[in-house]
C-alpha cells in the first residue's frame, strides 16, 4: 500500500489523495478538481488576493454595516447567535448570495475575455440594489478599489472597464471589480469566491462587534460559525448564472431602508 503523503492534498477542495483513489500512483491527483488550478496559480496571486480582501485595503468597508446598525437598535440583533443568524440569512438567501453570483459571472466573463457579457453583468449589478444605501455601499467601495488597483496592480481589462463604466455613467460594483481582477490574476474561482464571501461577512461581523457590542473572541467565533454557509453558497454560486439572482431576505433590505432615517448613526449603511 502506498505511503500517504501530506503533500498530496488538494488545497482547494481539501481532499487527500487516498480519498480520490490511489491506483494511479504518482498521477493520483491529476483528476482532482483543483490540482490544475493550483499549478497555474502564480506565486504572488495568493498574496494579492489577501491584500485585496484585507481590512488594510483602502475601500472604506469599515464604515458600512449593511443595515446591521438599525437591526441592533431595533433589537433584532442582540448577541453573537442573532448576528450569525442574520448574516447567514443574508449570505444564503439575500444580497450576499447575489454578490456571489455577480462575482462568479464577472470572473467567467473576464476569463473568457467576453467584454460584452462583462458590461452586461456590471450594468445589472449596479441596478440590482434594493436601497440607496446599498447602492452607496458598493459603489463607494468599488470606486476606491478601482483607484487602488489601477495605481498598484494595473491591468488592461480593469483599466478598460473603469473607463467604460465612467463613460456610460454606470456605478461600479465591488463584487464585479474583484471578480474581474481575480480572474486576470489567474486565481481559481474555487479559491477566490469563498475568500470574497468570507471577507464580506467578516467586515459585517466586525460591525456587529462594535455595535452590540461583542468581545473580539465572540467575533471570531461568529466568523467561524459562518464558514459552512460561505462554502455552501460559494459552491452553489459556481453553478449559478444571472438567471438565478433574487432575494428572500426582506428584513435585510428593510433594515437598510430604515437606517436611512435612523437618528443616531455610526455607519454609512
C-alpha atoms as a PDB file:
ATOM      1  CA  UNK A   1       0.000   0.000   0.000  1.00  0.00           C
ATOM      2  CA  UNK A   2       1.494   3.393  -0.962  1.00  0.00           C
ATOM      3  CA  UNK A   3       2.533   5.760   1.802  1.00  0.00           C
ATOM      4  CA  UNK A   4       0.041   8.587   2.345  1.00  0.00           C
ATOM      5  CA  UNK A   5       1.884  11.833   1.805  1.00  0.00           C
ATOM      6  CA  UNK A   6       0.763  15.144   3.287  1.00  0.00           C
ATOM      7  CA  UNK A   7       1.677  16.986   0.089  1.00  0.00           C
ATOM      8  CA  UNK A   8      -0.959  15.028  -1.827  1.00  0.00           C
ATOM      9  CA  UNK A   9      -3.777  17.168  -0.503  1.00  0.00           C
ATOM     10  CA  UNK A  10      -5.778  19.402  -2.824  1.00  0.00           C
ATOM     11  CA  UNK A  11      -5.517  22.931  -1.437  1.00  0.00           C
ATOM     12  CA  UNK A  12      -8.901  23.953  -2.800  1.00  0.00           C
ATOM     13  CA  UNK A  13     -11.305  21.050  -2.174  1.00  0.00           C
ATOM     14  CA  UNK A  14      -9.198  19.746   0.768  1.00  0.00           C
ATOM     15  CA  UNK A  15      -9.449  16.118  -0.354  1.00  0.00           C
ATOM     16  CA  UNK A  16      -6.468  13.863   0.209  1.00  0.00           C
ATOM     17  CA  UNK A  17      -5.083  11.624  -2.494  1.00  0.00           C
ATOM     18  CA  UNK A  18      -6.403   8.477  -0.866  1.00  0.00           C
ATOM     19  CA  UNK A  19      -9.916   9.955  -0.944  1.00  0.00           C
ATOM     20  CA  UNK A  20      -9.638  10.305  -4.707  1.00  0.00           C
ATOM     21  CA  UNK A  21      -8.106   6.862  -5.404  1.00  0.00           C
ATOM     22  CA  UNK A  22      -4.562   5.520  -5.232  1.00  0.00           C
ATOM     23  CA  UNK A  23      -4.405   3.130  -8.150  1.00  0.00           C
ATOM     24  CA  UNK A  24      -2.750   5.672 -10.451  1.00  0.00           C
ATOM     25  CA  UNK A  25       0.402   6.109  -8.384  1.00  0.00           C
ATOM     26  CA  UNK A  26       2.108   9.471  -8.831  1.00  0.00           C
ATOM     27  CA  UNK A  27      -0.663  10.763 -11.109  1.00  0.00           C
ATOM     28  CA  UNK A  28      -3.172  10.202  -8.345  1.00  0.00           C
ATOM     29  CA  UNK A  29      -4.174  13.856  -8.072  1.00  0.00           C
ATOM     30  CA  UNK A  30      -4.481  14.503 -11.789  1.00  0.00           C
ATOM     31  CA  UNK A  31      -8.277  14.333 -11.756  1.00  0.00           C
ATOM     32  CA  UNK A  32      -8.727  16.374  -8.618  1.00  0.00           C
ATOM     33  CA  UNK A  33     -10.962  19.405  -9.063  1.00  0.00           C
ATOM     34  CA  UNK A  34      -8.195  21.910  -8.459  1.00  0.00           C
ATOM     35  CA  UNK A  35      -4.737  20.439  -8.972  1.00  0.00           C
ATOM     36  CA  UNK A  36      -4.500  22.061 -12.395  1.00  0.00           C
ATOM     37  CA  UNK A  37      -5.674  25.327 -10.910  1.00  0.00           C
ATOM     38  CA  UNK A  38      -3.063  25.121  -8.176  1.00  0.00           C
ATOM     39  CA  UNK A  39      -0.263  24.535 -10.694  1.00  0.00           C
ATOM     40  CA  UNK A  40      -1.402  27.517 -12.737  1.00  0.00           C
ATOM     41  CA  UNK A  41      -1.552  29.796  -9.710  1.00  0.00           C
ATOM     42  CA  UNK A  42       1.352  32.289  -9.873  1.00  0.00           C
ATOM     43  CA  UNK A  43       3.278  32.603  -6.594  1.00  0.00           C
ATOM     44  CA  UNK A  44       2.151  36.200  -5.983  1.00  0.00           C
ATOM     45  CA  UNK A  45      -1.526  35.565  -6.662  1.00  0.00           C
ATOM     46  CA  UNK A  46      -2.460  34.374  -3.169  1.00  0.00           C
ATOM     47  CA  UNK A  47      -0.621  37.325  -1.646  1.00  0.00           C
ATOM     48  CA  UNK A  48      -2.509  39.728  -3.882  1.00  0.00           C
ATOM     49  CA  UNK A  49      -5.866  38.155  -3.114  1.00  0.00           C
ATOM     50  CA  UNK A  50      -5.130  38.537   0.578  1.00  0.00           C
ATOM     51  CA  UNK A  51      -4.181  42.166   0.010  1.00  0.00           C
ATOM     52  CA  UNK A  52      -7.377  42.939  -1.921  1.00  0.00           C
ATOM     53  CA  UNK A  53      -9.591  41.359   0.756  1.00  0.00           C
ATOM     54  CA  UNK A  54      -7.639  42.696   3.724  1.00  0.00           C
ATOM     55  CA  UNK A  55      -9.134  45.323   6.090  1.00  0.00           C
ATOM     56  CA  UNK A  56      -5.996  47.318   5.235  1.00  0.00           C
ATOM     57  CA  UNK A  57      -7.098  47.633   1.593  1.00  0.00           C
ATOM     58  CA  UNK A  58      -8.435  51.204   1.323  1.00  0.00           C
ATOM     59  CA  UNK A  59     -12.073  50.689   0.339  1.00  0.00           C
ATOM     60  CA  UNK A  60     -13.639  52.207   3.462  1.00  0.00           C
ATOM     61  CA  UNK A  61     -15.519  48.973   4.188  1.00  0.00           C
ATOM     62  CA  UNK A  62     -15.277  49.632   7.939  1.00  0.00           C
ATOM     63  CA  UNK A  63     -17.789  52.476   7.604  1.00  0.00           C
ATOM     64  CA  UNK A  64     -20.644  50.269   6.338  1.00  0.00           C
ATOM     65  CA  UNK A  65     -22.835  47.948   8.426  1.00  0.00           C
ATOM     66  CA  UNK A  66     -25.229  46.753   5.687  1.00  0.00           C
ATOM     67  CA  UNK A  67     -28.232  47.639   7.852  1.00  0.00           C
ATOM     68  CA  UNK A  68     -26.905  45.913  10.973  1.00  0.00           C
ATOM     69  CA  UNK A  69     -26.834  49.206  12.872  1.00  0.00           C
ATOM     70  CA  UNK A  70     -30.610  49.565  12.574  1.00  0.00           C
ATOM     71  CA  UNK A  71     -31.160  45.872  13.342  1.00  0.00           C
ATOM     72  CA  UNK A  72     -29.203  46.262  16.591  1.00  0.00           C
ATOM     73  CA  UNK A  73     -31.160  49.346  17.604  1.00  0.00           C
ATOM     74  CA  UNK A  74     -34.451  47.595  16.798  1.00  0.00           C
ATOM     75  CA  UNK A  75     -33.426  44.597  18.908  1.00  0.00           C
ATOM     76  CA  UNK A  76     -33.314  42.074  16.071  1.00  0.00           C
ATOM     77  CA  UNK A  77     -29.589  41.565  16.668  1.00  0.00           C
ATOM     78  CA  UNK A  78     -28.522  41.484  20.308  1.00  0.00           C
ATOM     79  CA  UNK A  79     -25.868  38.775  20.726  1.00  0.00           C
ATOM     80  CA  UNK A  80     -23.499  36.582  18.731  1.00  0.00           C
ATOM     81  CA  UNK A  81     -26.112  33.993  17.795  1.00  0.00           C
ATOM     82  CA  UNK A  82     -28.594  36.535  16.479  1.00  0.00           C
ATOM     83  CA  UNK A  83     -25.797  38.220  14.489  1.00  0.00           C
ATOM     84  CA  UNK A  84     -24.757  34.896  12.965  1.00  0.00           C
ATOM     85  CA  UNK A  85     -28.373  34.042  12.124  1.00  0.00           C
ATOM     86  CA  UNK A  86     -28.862  37.431  10.448  1.00  0.00           C
ATOM     87  CA  UNK A  87     -25.700  37.179   8.373  1.00  0.00           C
ATOM     88  CA  UNK A  88     -26.333  33.548   7.456  1.00  0.00           C
ATOM     89  CA  UNK A  89     -29.755  34.506   6.097  1.00  0.00           C
ATOM     90  CA  UNK A  90     -28.206  37.366   4.125  1.00  0.00           C
ATOM     91  CA  UNK A  91     -25.460  35.285   2.522  1.00  0.00           C
ATOM     92  CA  UNK A  92     -27.686  32.277   1.824  1.00  0.00           C
ATOM     93  CA  UNK A  93     -30.868  33.995   0.671  1.00  0.00           C
ATOM     94  CA  UNK A  94     -30.214  37.722   0.272  1.00  0.00           C
ATOM     95  CA  UNK A  95     -27.766  40.273  -1.042  1.00  0.00           C
ATOM     96  CA  UNK A  96     -24.729  38.199  -0.083  1.00  0.00           C
ATOM     97  CA  UNK A  97     -25.872  35.384  -2.359  1.00  0.00           C
ATOM     98  CA  UNK A  98     -26.433  37.855  -5.198  1.00  0.00           C
ATOM     99  CA  UNK A  99     -22.949  39.300  -4.730  1.00  0.00           C
ATOM    100  CA  UNK A 100     -21.544  35.788  -5.028  1.00  0.00           C
ATOM    101  CA  UNK A 101     -23.341  35.337  -8.356  1.00  0.00           C
ATOM    102  CA  UNK A 102     -22.151  38.700  -9.674  1.00  0.00           C
ATOM    103  CA  UNK A 103     -18.604  37.829  -8.603  1.00  0.00           C
ATOM    104  CA  UNK A 104     -18.589  34.482 -10.410  1.00  0.00           C
ATOM    105  CA  UNK A 105     -20.249  35.900 -13.527  1.00  0.00           C
ATOM    106  CA  UNK A 106     -17.656  38.679 -13.703  1.00  0.00           C
ATOM    107  CA  UNK A 107     -14.904  36.101 -13.145  1.00  0.00           C
ATOM    108  CA  UNK A 108     -16.226  33.964 -16.009  1.00  0.00           C
ATOM    109  CA  UNK A 109     -16.555  36.935 -18.363  1.00  0.00           C
ATOM    110  CA  UNK A 110     -13.017  38.090 -17.652  1.00  0.00           C
ATOM    111  CA  UNK A 111     -11.668  34.555 -18.046  1.00  0.00           C
ATOM    112  CA  UNK A 112     -13.399  34.254 -21.439  1.00  0.00           C
ATOM    113  CA  UNK A 113     -12.411  37.800 -22.485  1.00  0.00           C
ATOM    114  CA  UNK A 114     -16.108  38.434 -23.096  1.00  0.00           C
ATOM    115  CA  UNK A 115     -16.256  42.209 -22.711  1.00  0.00           C
ATOM    116  CA  UNK A 116     -19.844  42.435 -23.912  1.00  0.00           C
ATOM    117  CA  UNK A 117     -21.035  39.991 -21.262  1.00  0.00           C
ATOM    118  CA  UNK A 118     -18.905  41.725 -18.629  1.00  0.00           C
ATOM    119  CA  UNK A 119     -20.560  45.064 -19.354  1.00  0.00           C
ATOM    120  CA  UNK A 120     -23.971  43.408 -19.107  1.00  0.00           C
ATOM    121  CA  UNK A 121     -23.043  41.949 -15.721  1.00  0.00           C
ATOM    122  CA  UNK A 122     -21.624  45.259 -14.476  1.00  0.00           C
ATOM    123  CA  UNK A 123     -24.727  47.182 -15.532  1.00  0.00           C
ATOM    124  CA  UNK A 124     -27.117  44.652 -13.990  1.00  0.00           C
ATOM    125  CA  UNK A 125     -25.121  44.537 -10.762  1.00  0.00           C
ATOM    126  CA  UNK A 126     -25.245  48.334 -10.456  1.00  0.00           C
ATOM    127  CA  UNK A 127     -29.017  48.305 -10.895  1.00  0.00           C
ATOM    128  CA  UNK A 128     -29.531  45.368  -8.546  1.00  0.00           C
ATOM    129  CA  UNK A 129     -29.515  47.469  -5.368  1.00  0.00           C
ATOM    130  CA  UNK A 130     -32.628  47.436  -3.207  1.00  0.00           C
ATOM    131  CA  UNK A 131     -31.867  50.655  -1.308  1.00  0.00           C
ATOM    132  CA  UNK A 132     -29.909  53.848  -1.861  1.00  0.00           C
ATOM    133  CA  UNK A 133     -27.539  52.974   0.997  1.00  0.00           C
ATOM    134  CA  UNK A 134     -26.755  49.572  -0.523  1.00  0.00           C
ATOM    135  CA  UNK A 135     -26.008  51.350  -3.798  1.00  0.00           C
ATOM    136  CA  UNK A 136     -23.710  53.798  -2.000  1.00  0.00           C
ATOM    137  CA  UNK A 137     -22.037  50.988  -0.059  1.00  0.00           C
ATOM    138  CA  UNK A 138     -20.977  49.013  -3.111  1.00  0.00           C
ATOM    139  CA  UNK A 139     -20.234  51.918  -5.463  1.00  0.00           C
ATOM    140  CA  UNK A 140     -18.017  53.755  -2.965  1.00  0.00           C
ATOM    141  CA  UNK A 141     -16.040  50.629  -2.152  1.00  0.00           C
ATOM    142  CA  UNK A 142     -15.757  49.677  -5.820  1.00  0.00           C
ATOM    143  CA  UNK A 143     -14.593  53.156  -6.805  1.00  0.00           C
ATOM    144  CA  UNK A 144     -11.909  53.117  -4.107  1.00  0.00           C
ATOM    145  CA  UNK A 145     -10.933  49.568  -5.086  1.00  0.00           C
ATOM    146  CA  UNK A 146     -10.596  50.521  -8.757  1.00  0.00           C
ATOM    147  CA  UNK A 147      -8.447  53.532  -7.928  1.00  0.00           C
ATOM    148  CA  UNK A 148      -6.056  51.431  -5.850  1.00  0.00           C
ATOM    149  CA  UNK A 149      -5.913  48.551  -8.310  1.00  0.00           C
ATOM    150  CA  UNK A 150      -5.169  50.880 -11.219  1.00  0.00           C
ATOM    151  CA  UNK A 151      -2.362  52.503  -9.261  1.00  0.00           C
ATOM    152  CA  UNK A 152      -0.774  49.499  -7.544  1.00  0.00           C
ATOM    153  CA  UNK A 153      -1.724  46.453  -9.676  1.00  0.00           C
ATOM    154  CA  UNK A 154      -2.591  47.870 -13.120  1.00  0.00           C
ATOM    155  CA  UNK A 155      -4.382  45.627 -15.595  1.00  0.00           C
ATOM    156  CA  UNK A 156      -5.664  46.419 -19.124  1.00  0.00           C
ATOM    157  CA  UNK A 157      -9.132  44.947 -18.572  1.00  0.00           C
ATOM    158  CA  UNK A 158      -9.622  46.737 -15.261  1.00  0.00           C
ATOM    159  CA  UNK A 159      -8.495  49.951 -16.957  1.00  0.00           C
ATOM    160  CA  UNK A 160     -10.939  49.465 -19.828  1.00  0.00           C
ATOM    161  CA  UNK A 161     -13.801  48.535 -17.503  1.00  0.00           C
ATOM    162  CA  UNK A 162     -13.209  51.592 -15.329  1.00  0.00           C
ATOM    163  CA  UNK A 163     -13.176  53.943 -18.304  1.00  0.00           C
ATOM    164  CA  UNK A 164     -16.214  52.337 -19.927  1.00  0.00           C
ATOM    165  CA  UNK A 165     -18.302  52.492 -16.764  1.00  0.00           C
ATOM    166  CA  UNK A 166     -17.308  56.109 -16.301  1.00  0.00           C
ATOM    167  CA  UNK A 167     -18.259  56.993 -19.887  1.00  0.00           C
ATOM    168  CA  UNK A 168     -21.629  55.255 -19.555  1.00  0.00           C
ATOM    169  CA  UNK A 169     -22.199  56.672 -16.067  1.00  0.00           C
ATOM    170  CA  UNK A 170     -22.650  53.233 -14.565  1.00  0.00           C
ATOM    171  CA  UNK A 171     -21.633  52.907 -10.922  1.00  0.00           C
ATOM    172  CA  UNK A 172     -19.008  50.199 -10.364  1.00  0.00           C
ATOM    173  CA  UNK A 173     -19.850  47.257  -8.100  1.00  0.00           C
ATOM    174  CA  UNK A 174     -17.329  45.838  -5.665  1.00  0.00           C
ATOM    175  CA  UNK A 175     -18.019  42.155  -6.357  1.00  0.00           C
ATOM    176  CA  UNK A 176     -17.715  42.680 -10.109  1.00  0.00           C
ATOM    177  CA  UNK A 177     -14.421  44.544  -9.831  1.00  0.00           C
ATOM    178  CA  UNK A 178     -12.880  41.897  -7.585  1.00  0.00           C
ATOM    179  CA  UNK A 179     -14.230  39.070  -9.718  1.00  0.00           C
ATOM    180  CA  UNK A 180     -12.571  40.546 -12.793  1.00  0.00           C
ATOM    181  CA  UNK A 181      -9.267  41.193 -11.065  1.00  0.00           C
ATOM    182  CA  UNK A 182      -9.154  37.705  -9.547  1.00  0.00           C
ATOM    183  CA  UNK A 183      -9.695  36.188 -12.991  1.00  0.00           C
ATOM    184  CA  UNK A 184      -6.999  38.368 -14.520  1.00  0.00           C
ATOM    185  CA  UNK A 185      -4.627  37.215 -11.779  1.00  0.00           C
ATOM    186  CA  UNK A 186      -5.405  33.573 -12.678  1.00  0.00           C
ATOM    187  CA  UNK A 187      -6.859  32.915  -9.243  1.00  0.00           C
ATOM    188  CA  UNK A 188      -9.269  29.962  -9.466  1.00  0.00           C
ATOM    189  CA  UNK A 189     -12.889  30.684  -8.638  1.00  0.00           C
ATOM    190  CA  UNK A 190     -12.843  27.850  -6.109  1.00  0.00           C
ATOM    191  CA  UNK A 191     -10.401  29.935  -4.073  1.00  0.00           C
ATOM    192  CA  UNK A 192     -11.399  33.491  -4.951  1.00  0.00           C
ATOM    193  CA  UNK A 193     -15.162  33.249  -4.413  1.00  0.00           C
ATOM    194  CA  UNK A 194     -15.240  31.795  -0.870  1.00  0.00           C
ATOM    195  CA  UNK A 195     -12.445  34.178   0.091  1.00  0.00           C
ATOM    196  CA  UNK A 196     -14.539  37.095  -1.143  1.00  0.00           C
ATOM    197  CA  UNK A 197     -17.602  35.912   0.802  1.00  0.00           C
ATOM    198  CA  UNK A 198     -15.511  35.357   3.926  1.00  0.00           C
ATOM    199  CA  UNK A 199     -14.210  38.916   3.698  1.00  0.00           C
ATOM    200  CA  UNK A 200     -17.738  40.250   3.090  1.00  0.00           C
ATOM    201  CA  UNK A 201     -19.054  38.558   6.221  1.00  0.00           C
ATOM    202  CA  UNK A 202     -16.002  39.276   8.366  1.00  0.00           C
ATOM    203  CA  UNK A 203     -16.462  43.002   7.766  1.00  0.00           C
ATOM    204  CA  UNK A 204     -20.097  42.798   8.902  1.00  0.00           C
ATOM    205  CA  UNK A 205     -19.176  40.715  11.939  1.00  0.00           C
ATOM    206  CA  UNK A 206     -16.721  43.464  12.870  1.00  0.00           C
ATOM    207  CA  UNK A 207     -19.550  45.991  12.609  1.00  0.00           C
ATOM    208  CA  UNK A 208     -21.618  43.784  14.913  1.00  0.00           C
ATOM    209  CA  UNK A 209     -18.756  43.559  17.401  1.00  0.00           C
ATOM    210  CA  UNK A 210     -18.717  47.352  17.622  1.00  0.00           C
ATOM    211  CA  UNK A 211     -22.486  47.832  17.735  1.00  0.00           C
ATOM    212  CA  UNK A 212     -23.896  45.105  20.024  1.00  0.00           C
ATOM    213  CA  UNK A 213     -21.138  45.142  21.438  1.00  0.00           C
ATOM    214  CA  UNK A 214     -19.309  41.820  21.459  1.00  0.00           C
ATOM    215  CA  UNK A 215     -15.833  40.768  22.504  1.00  0.00           C
ATOM    216  CA  UNK A 216     -13.171  40.018  19.926  1.00  0.00           C
ATOM    217  CA  UNK A 217     -13.341  36.292  20.678  1.00  0.00           C
ATOM    218  CA  UNK A 218     -17.086  36.271  20.092  1.00  0.00           C
ATOM    219  CA  UNK A 219     -16.438  37.993  16.780  1.00  0.00           C
ATOM    220  CA  UNK A 220     -14.029  35.270  15.702  1.00  0.00           C
ATOM    221  CA  UNK A 221     -16.435  32.577  16.879  1.00  0.00           C
ATOM    222  CA  UNK A 222     -19.110  34.195  14.719  1.00  0.00           C
ATOM    223  CA  UNK A 223     -16.850  34.163  11.669  1.00  0.00           C
ATOM    224  CA  UNK A 224     -16.024  30.505  12.299  1.00  0.00           C
ATOM    225  CA  UNK A 225     -19.714  29.604  12.637  1.00  0.00           C
ATOM    226  CA  UNK A 226     -20.382  31.179   9.247  1.00  0.00           C
ATOM    227  CA  UNK A 227     -17.771  29.074   7.436  1.00  0.00           C
ATOM    228  CA  UNK A 228     -20.232  26.326   6.375  1.00  0.00           C
ATOM    229  CA  UNK A 229     -22.553  28.945   4.879  1.00  0.00           C
ATOM    230  CA  UNK A 230     -19.659  30.541   2.997  1.00  0.00           C
ATOM    231  CA  UNK A 231     -18.573  27.245   1.474  1.00  0.00           C
ATOM    232  CA  UNK A 232     -22.124  26.181   0.630  1.00  0.00           C
ATOM    233  CA  UNK A 233     -23.053  29.462  -1.057  1.00  0.00           C
ATOM    234  CA  UNK A 234     -19.765  29.582  -2.960  1.00  0.00           C
ATOM    235  CA  UNK A 235     -20.312  26.061  -4.277  1.00  0.00           C
ATOM    236  CA  UNK A 236     -23.865  26.859  -5.381  1.00  0.00           C
ATOM    237  CA  UNK A 237     -22.870  30.185  -6.932  1.00  0.00           C
ATOM    238  CA  UNK A 238     -20.233  28.487  -9.084  1.00  0.00           C
ATOM    239  CA  UNK A 239     -23.084  26.716 -10.891  1.00  0.00           C
ATOM    240  CA  UNK A 240     -25.371  29.775 -10.974  1.00  0.00           C
ATOM    241  CA  UNK A 241     -25.995  32.461 -13.591  1.00  0.00           C
ATOM    242  CA  UNK A 242     -27.707  35.838 -13.596  1.00  0.00           C
ATOM    243  CA  UNK A 243     -30.991  33.977 -14.074  1.00  0.00           C
ATOM    244  CA  UNK A 244     -30.638  32.695 -10.511  1.00  0.00           C
ATOM    245  CA  UNK A 245     -30.491  36.173  -8.961  1.00  0.00           C
ATOM    246  CA  UNK A 246     -33.086  37.021  -6.346  1.00  0.00           C
ATOM    247  CA  UNK A 247     -33.564  37.671  -2.651  1.00  0.00           C
ATOM    248  CA  UNK A 248     -35.743  36.247   0.104  1.00  0.00           C
ATOM    249  CA  UNK A 249     -34.024  38.187   2.918  1.00  0.00           C
ATOM    250  CA  UNK A 250     -36.519  41.040   3.052  1.00  0.00           C
ATOM    251  CA  UNK A 251     -35.546  42.095   6.574  1.00  0.00           C
ATOM    252  CA  UNK A 252     -32.026  42.929   5.408  1.00  0.00           C
ATOM    253  CA  UNK A 253     -33.449  45.296   2.796  1.00  0.00           C
ATOM    254  CA  UNK A 254     -35.897  46.739   5.324  1.00  0.00           C
ATOM    255  CA  UNK A 255     -33.063  47.320   7.790  1.00  0.00           C
ATOM    256  CA  UNK A 256     -31.100  49.218   5.144  1.00  0.00           C
ATOM    257  CA  UNK A 257     -34.100  51.370   4.199  1.00  0.00           C
ATOM    258  CA  UNK A 258     -34.839  52.108   7.862  1.00  0.00           C
ATOM    259  CA  UNK A 259     -31.204  53.004   8.509  1.00  0.00           C
ATOM    260  CA  UNK A 260     -31.505  55.899   6.050  1.00  0.00           C
ATOM    261  CA  UNK A 261     -33.657  57.802   8.562  1.00  0.00           C
ATOM    262  CA  UNK A 262     -32.118  56.454  11.762  1.00  0.00           C
ATOM    263  CA  UNK A 263     -31.458  59.372  14.083  1.00  0.00           C
ATOM    264  CA  UNK A 264     -28.102  58.340  15.561  1.00  0.00           C
ATOM    265  CA  UNK A 265     -25.716  56.537  13.241  1.00  0.00           C
ATOM    266  CA  UNK A 266     -22.093  55.426  13.351  1.00  0.00           C
ATOM    267  CA  UNK A 267     -22.128  53.759   9.930  1.00  0.00           C
ATOM    268  CA  UNK A 268     -22.982  54.930   6.430  1.00  0.00           C
ATOM    269  CA  UNK A 269     -25.259  51.973   5.796  1.00  0.00           C
END
